[in-house]
Structure formats: structure tokens, C-alpha cells
């Protein structure tokens, strides 16, 4: 079974644009759970332009499904936040300051030593570690050497190429997924997956355990409603629809 983790950053972006607490991030997360999502993802950034650090504490205390905190472990504040909340999973992403959205995975060859230290730190606290990587078998294999539990494949390239040639777009992801299996790593995926491209990705990728989807899902909810949107995303994670 492939789990759907809903990234609620965009709910927080909307709240922050006006001030106050509308929409309520916690209520949105609880609604996602009620409508069938198997996880909640947040990606706090140093400027707190969407998810605030205080949101993370509130969510951890109240949600019931798997909690995934992703972000830049080169920020000590992020490390402290994760260790204080002990989510089910931390996803290590090589963000840069001021970056609008994640746009590349870790160079796990270059930063293997550092990522090994970070993986050990979080795993010692009982937190599953996933490393955000590009669909490169060599980078996946190097991620396994850090002691991480999983990798998350950065799927923007697949999403960009899907409508032109989906077989070509998916090919490197299949290779990366097989490399993860051979290395004993669990497999997640995320970034620009949507109602159009998710089902084919799910069908083709062996061992896919979790997809984290935020921007497209929240945008679809503006037209379809949150409950119907989550239903449709879950439907895309069934082999025969």
C-alpha cells in the first residue's frame, strides 16, 4: 500500500497572507486525516513564510496519522524542532536560504559523511530518516551508505516531462527505485505529482511506500473540495481504476 501524506504548507501560506488564524492549519490537517490521508507533511523554513515552528508543536500534539517533517538539516533550529517533536519521519532536503521551493536532491556522494551524522542523530531519537534525492541510482546507493531508512525521489522532472513522453519521463525513476530496493532502502516520492500524473507513476514504480503532495492537492481542493480531492488522490494509488 502506498500512503498519501498531505503537505499542508499552502494552507499556512494562505493563513499568513492575511494574518490571524483563517484557515486554521490544525483543523485542515485533522480534516485531511478524517477524509482518508494517511500522513501529514510540513516543511518549515527559517523565514516561517508558511508553516510556523509553533504549528509543528500544535500538529504533533493533535494529529493521529504519520507526521513527516521535511526541511534543511543544516539549520540548527530545524534540527532542534525535529528532535523536540519526534515525528514518525524526518525528510532531509538541501534547501538554500530564500529558495522558493525545493529544486534538487542531495549530492549524497559529496555529503555522505555529513548525512551519515544527521541520520545517526535522528535515528537515535527514534525517527525514521528519508533523504531527498534526484532519480540517480548512484545517489540512491550512496544514500543507503549514510544509514538512512528511505529516500524520497524528487519528481519535478517526471512531472515536467509526463505529457510529452511519459515513458521517457518515468525511466530514470524506475532505475532509481530498483536501486533503492537493491540497497534495502524504503522509497518515497514527491514534488509536482498531481491528479494527472500520479497514477502512472504509482503503476510503474516498484516498492513505492509514500507520496507527499501539497501544492497540486490544495489547488485542486479549491475546485473539488478537500474531501473529494483527497478521495481522488487516494483513488490514483490503486492499481486498477
Protein backbone atom coordinates (compact mmCIF):
# COMPACT_ATOMS: atom_id res chain seq x y z
CA UNK A 1 0.00 0.00 0.00
CA UNK A 2 1.30 3.44 -0.95
CA UNK A 3 0.40 6.07 1.63
CA UNK A 4 -0.74 9.59 0.81
CA UNK A 5 0.85 12.26 3.01
CA UNK A 6 -0.71 15.69 2.51
CA UNK A 7 1.67 18.63 2.69
CA UNK A 8 -0.28 21.46 4.32
CA UNK A 9 2.24 24.26 3.69
CA UNK A 10 -0.10 26.04 1.28
CA UNK A 11 -2.84 26.16 3.89
CA UNK A 12 -0.39 28.03 6.11
CA UNK A 13 0.62 30.32 3.23
CA UNK A 14 -2.99 31.39 2.80
CA UNK A 15 -3.38 31.99 6.55
CA UNK A 16 -0.20 34.03 6.75
CA UNK A 17 -1.19 36.25 3.82
CA UNK A 18 -3.97 37.79 5.92
CA UNK A 19 -2.81 37.27 9.49
CA UNK A 20 -4.98 35.69 12.14
CA UNK A 21 -5.83 32.02 12.01
CA UNK A 22 -8.03 31.57 8.94
CA UNK A 23 -7.71 28.99 7.55
CA UNK A 24 -6.81 27.01 10.67
CA UNK A 25 -3.81 24.79 9.89
CA UNK A 26 -4.65 22.25 12.58
CA UNK A 27 -8.28 21.96 11.51
CA UNK A 28 -7.14 21.45 7.92
CA UNK A 29 -4.75 18.69 8.99
CA UNK A 30 -7.44 16.96 11.03
CA UNK A 31 -9.82 17.20 8.07
CA UNK A 32 -7.22 15.62 5.79
CA UNK A 33 -6.93 12.74 8.25
CA UNK A 34 -10.71 12.40 8.51
CA UNK A 35 -11.01 12.29 4.72
CA UNK A 36 -8.51 9.43 4.46
CA UNK A 37 -4.98 10.85 4.22
CA UNK A 38 -2.50 8.51 5.90
CA UNK A 39 0.00 11.22 6.77
CA UNK A 40 0.59 14.93 7.25
CA UNK A 41 3.73 16.64 5.95
CA UNK A 42 5.10 20.07 6.83
CA UNK A 43 8.18 21.84 5.50
CA UNK A 44 9.09 24.71 7.86
CA UNK A 45 11.59 27.25 6.56
CA UNK A 46 13.66 29.74 8.55
CA UNK A 47 11.53 32.73 7.49
CA UNK A 48 8.32 30.87 8.51
CA UNK A 49 6.61 32.14 5.38
CA UNK A 50 4.16 29.24 5.55
CA UNK A 51 4.40 26.66 8.34
CA UNK A 52 5.48 28.30 11.58
CA UNK A 53 7.62 26.48 14.09
CA UNK A 54 4.78 26.82 16.59
CA UNK A 55 2.48 25.00 14.13
CA UNK A 56 4.70 21.95 14.33
CA UNK A 57 4.21 21.60 18.09
CA UNK A 58 0.45 22.00 17.76
CA UNK A 59 0.22 19.45 14.97
CA UNK A 60 2.36 16.90 16.79
CA UNK A 61 0.11 17.10 19.83
CA UNK A 62 -3.12 16.64 17.90
CA UNK A 63 -2.82 14.65 14.68
CA UNK A 64 -3.24 10.90 14.68
CA UNK A 65 -1.65 9.76 11.43
CA UNK A 66 2.02 9.67 10.44
CA UNK A 67 3.78 13.02 10.84
CA UNK A 68 6.57 13.90 8.42
CA UNK A 69 8.73 16.99 8.94
CA UNK A 70 10.91 17.88 5.97
CA UNK A 71 13.48 20.59 5.66
CA UNK A 72 17.05 21.76 5.77
CA UNK A 73 19.04 19.95 8.44
CA UNK A 74 21.88 22.46 8.00
CA UNK A 75 19.72 24.80 10.10
CA UNK A 76 20.22 24.12 13.81
CA UNK A 77 16.74 25.47 14.50
CA UNK A 78 15.33 22.78 12.23
CA UNK A 79 17.31 20.05 13.97
CA UNK A 80 16.10 21.26 17.38
CA UNK A 81 12.50 21.38 16.14
CA UNK A 82 12.58 17.81 14.86
CA UNK A 83 14.23 16.42 17.98
CA UNK A 84 11.73 18.24 20.20
CA UNK A 85 8.72 16.83 18.33
CA UNK A 86 9.98 13.38 17.31
CA UNK A 87 7.83 12.87 14.20
CA UNK A 88 7.48 9.46 12.62
CA UNK A 89 9.76 10.63 9.80
CA UNK A 90 12.17 13.42 9.01
CA UNK A 91 12.95 14.11 5.35
CA UNK A 92 16.29 15.82 4.81
CA UNK A 93 16.14 18.38 1.98
CA UNK A 94 19.09 20.51 0.78
CA UNK A 95 17.25 23.84 0.73
CA UNK A 96 19.09 27.09 0.29
CA UNK A 97 18.15 30.32 2.08
CA UNK A 98 15.44 32.19 0.20
CA UNK A 99 14.63 29.23 -2.04
CA UNK A 100 11.00 29.38 -3.21
CA UNK A 101 10.58 25.61 -3.32
CA UNK A 102 12.78 22.54 -3.28
CA UNK A 103 14.51 22.17 -6.64
CA UNK A 104 17.17 19.46 -6.25
CA UNK A 105 18.12 16.47 -4.18
CA UNK A 106 21.20 15.87 -2.05
CA UNK A 107 24.54 15.05 -3.60
CA UNK A 108 24.85 12.01 -1.37
CA UNK A 109 28.35 11.27 -2.65
CA UNK A 110 29.74 14.67 -1.73
CA UNK A 111 27.84 14.96 1.55
CA UNK A 112 27.88 11.33 2.60
CA UNK A 113 29.80 12.00 5.83
CA UNK A 114 27.52 14.82 6.88
CA UNK A 115 24.34 12.91 6.04
CA UNK A 116 25.66 9.91 7.97
CA UNK A 117 25.98 12.11 11.06
CA UNK A 118 22.50 13.54 10.60
CA UNK A 119 20.93 10.13 10.01
CA UNK A 120 22.50 8.76 13.16
CA UNK A 121 21.34 11.77 15.19
CA UNK A 122 17.71 11.43 14.19
CA UNK A 123 17.60 7.64 14.25
CA UNK A 124 18.98 7.64 17.77
CA UNK A 125 15.90 9.68 18.69
CA UNK A 126 13.66 7.02 17.14
CA UNK A 127 12.85 9.00 13.99
CA UNK A 128 12.79 7.37 10.56
CA UNK A 129 15.14 9.19 8.16
CA UNK A 130 14.44 9.84 4.50
CA UNK A 131 16.86 11.66 2.19
CA UNK A 132 15.57 13.77 -0.72
CA UNK A 133 17.42 12.71 -3.88
CA UNK A 134 17.31 13.10 -7.63
CA UNK A 135 16.47 9.94 -9.65
CA UNK A 136 20.08 8.82 -9.94
CA UNK A 137 20.90 5.22 -8.94
CA UNK A 138 24.38 6.23 -7.82
CA UNK A 139 22.97 8.88 -5.48
CA UNK A 140 20.42 6.40 -4.16
CA UNK A 141 23.11 3.82 -3.44
CA UNK A 142 25.20 6.44 -1.65
CA UNK A 143 22.16 7.40 0.43
CA UNK A 144 21.97 3.83 1.67
CA UNK A 145 25.54 4.12 2.97
CA UNK A 146 24.54 7.02 5.25
CA UNK A 147 22.32 4.75 7.33
CA UNK A 148 19.10 6.43 6.17
CA UNK A 149 15.93 4.35 6.12
CA UNK A 150 14.43 5.73 2.93
CA UNK A 151 14.95 8.06 0.02
CA UNK A 152 12.38 10.46 -1.40
CA UNK A 153 12.65 10.81 -5.16
CA UNK A 154 12.37 14.40 -6.39
CA UNK A 155 9.70 14.07 -9.08
CA UNK A 156 9.66 17.51 -10.75
CA UNK A 157 11.47 16.19 -13.86
CA UNK A 158 8.92 13.40 -14.22
CA UNK A 159 6.01 15.81 -13.86
CA UNK A 160 7.52 18.22 -16.40
CA UNK A 161 8.04 15.50 -18.99
CA UNK A 162 4.90 13.46 -18.37
CA UNK A 163 2.66 14.96 -21.05
CA UNK A 164 5.37 14.92 -23.74
CA UNK A 165 6.61 11.34 -23.26
CA UNK A 166 5.64 9.62 -20.05
CA UNK A 167 7.69 6.50 -20.71
CA UNK A 168 10.83 8.56 -21.17
CA UNK A 169 9.98 10.67 -18.12
CA UNK A 170 9.47 7.68 -15.85
CA UNK A 171 12.53 5.68 -16.95
CA UNK A 172 15.14 7.19 -14.58
CA UNK A 173 12.70 6.85 -11.68
CA UNK A 174 12.28 3.14 -12.32
CA UNK A 175 16.06 2.74 -12.30
CA UNK A 176 16.33 4.73 -9.06
CA UNK A 177 13.53 2.70 -7.44
CA UNK A 178 15.25 -0.57 -8.34
CA UNK A 179 18.49 0.78 -6.90
CA UNK A 180 16.66 1.60 -3.67
CA UNK A 181 15.24 -1.90 -3.49
CA UNK A 182 18.64 -3.47 -4.09
CA UNK A 183 20.18 -1.26 -1.40
CA UNK A 184 17.48 -2.11 1.14
CA UNK A 185 16.03 1.41 1.24
CA UNK A 186 12.39 2.34 1.56
CA UNK A 187 11.01 4.59 -1.15
CA UNK A 188 9.02 7.84 -1.05
CA UNK A 189 8.36 10.38 -3.78
CA UNK A 190 7.16 13.93 -4.10
CA UNK A 191 7.11 17.28 -5.92
CA UNK A 192 4.61 18.25 -8.63
CA UNK A 193 2.74 14.96 -8.52
CA UNK A 194 -0.92 15.62 -9.33
CA UNK A 195 -4.19 14.01 -10.39
CA UNK A 196 -2.96 13.65 -13.98
CA UNK A 197 0.44 12.04 -13.46
CA UNK A 198 0.18 10.25 -10.10
CA UNK A 199 -1.50 7.02 -11.18
CA UNK A 200 1.03 6.23 -13.91
CA UNK A 201 3.89 6.95 -11.51
CA UNK A 202 2.32 4.65 -8.93
CA UNK A 203 1.82 1.89 -11.50
CA UNK A 204 5.38 1.99 -12.77
CA UNK A 205 7.47 2.48 -9.63
CA UNK A 206 8.22 -0.70 -7.66
CA UNK A 207 8.15 -0.53 -3.87
CA UNK A 208 6.64 2.95 -3.58
CA UNK A 209 5.70 3.43 0.08
CA UNK A 210 4.62 7.06 0.32
CA UNK A 211 3.89 10.10 -1.80
CA UNK A 212 3.93 13.58 -0.30
CA UNK A 213 1.69 16.02 -2.19
CA UNK A 214 0.86 19.58 -1.31
CA UNK A 215 0.66 22.34 -3.91
CA UNK A 216 -1.40 20.50 -6.53
CA UNK A 217 -3.66 18.84 -3.97
CA UNK A 218 -4.51 22.09 -2.18
CA UNK A 219 -5.07 23.82 -5.53
CA UNK A 220 -7.43 21.02 -6.64
CA UNK A 221 -9.33 21.39 -3.38
CA UNK A 222 -10.30 24.93 -4.42
CA UNK A 223 -12.37 23.41 -7.24
CA UNK A 224 -13.32 19.99 -5.90
CA UNK A 225 -13.41 20.47 -2.14
CA UNK A 226 -10.88 18.91 0.21
CA UNK A 227 -12.76 15.68 0.86
CA UNK A 228 -13.37 14.91 -2.81
CA UNK A 229 -9.80 15.88 -3.71
CA UNK A 230 -8.28 13.51 -1.18
CA UNK A 231 -10.66 10.77 -2.35
CA UNK A 232 -9.46 11.23 -5.93
CA UNK A 233 -5.78 11.22 -4.95
CA UNK A 234 -6.27 8.04 -2.94
CA UNK A 235 -8.03 6.54 -5.94
CA UNK A 236 -4.93 7.19 -8.05
CA UNK A 237 -2.97 4.98 -5.62
CA UNK A 238 -4.95 1.89 -6.56
CA UNK A 239 -3.62 -0.32 -9.34
CA UNK A 240 -6.80 -0.66 -11.37
CA UNK A 241 -9.09 2.36 -11.61
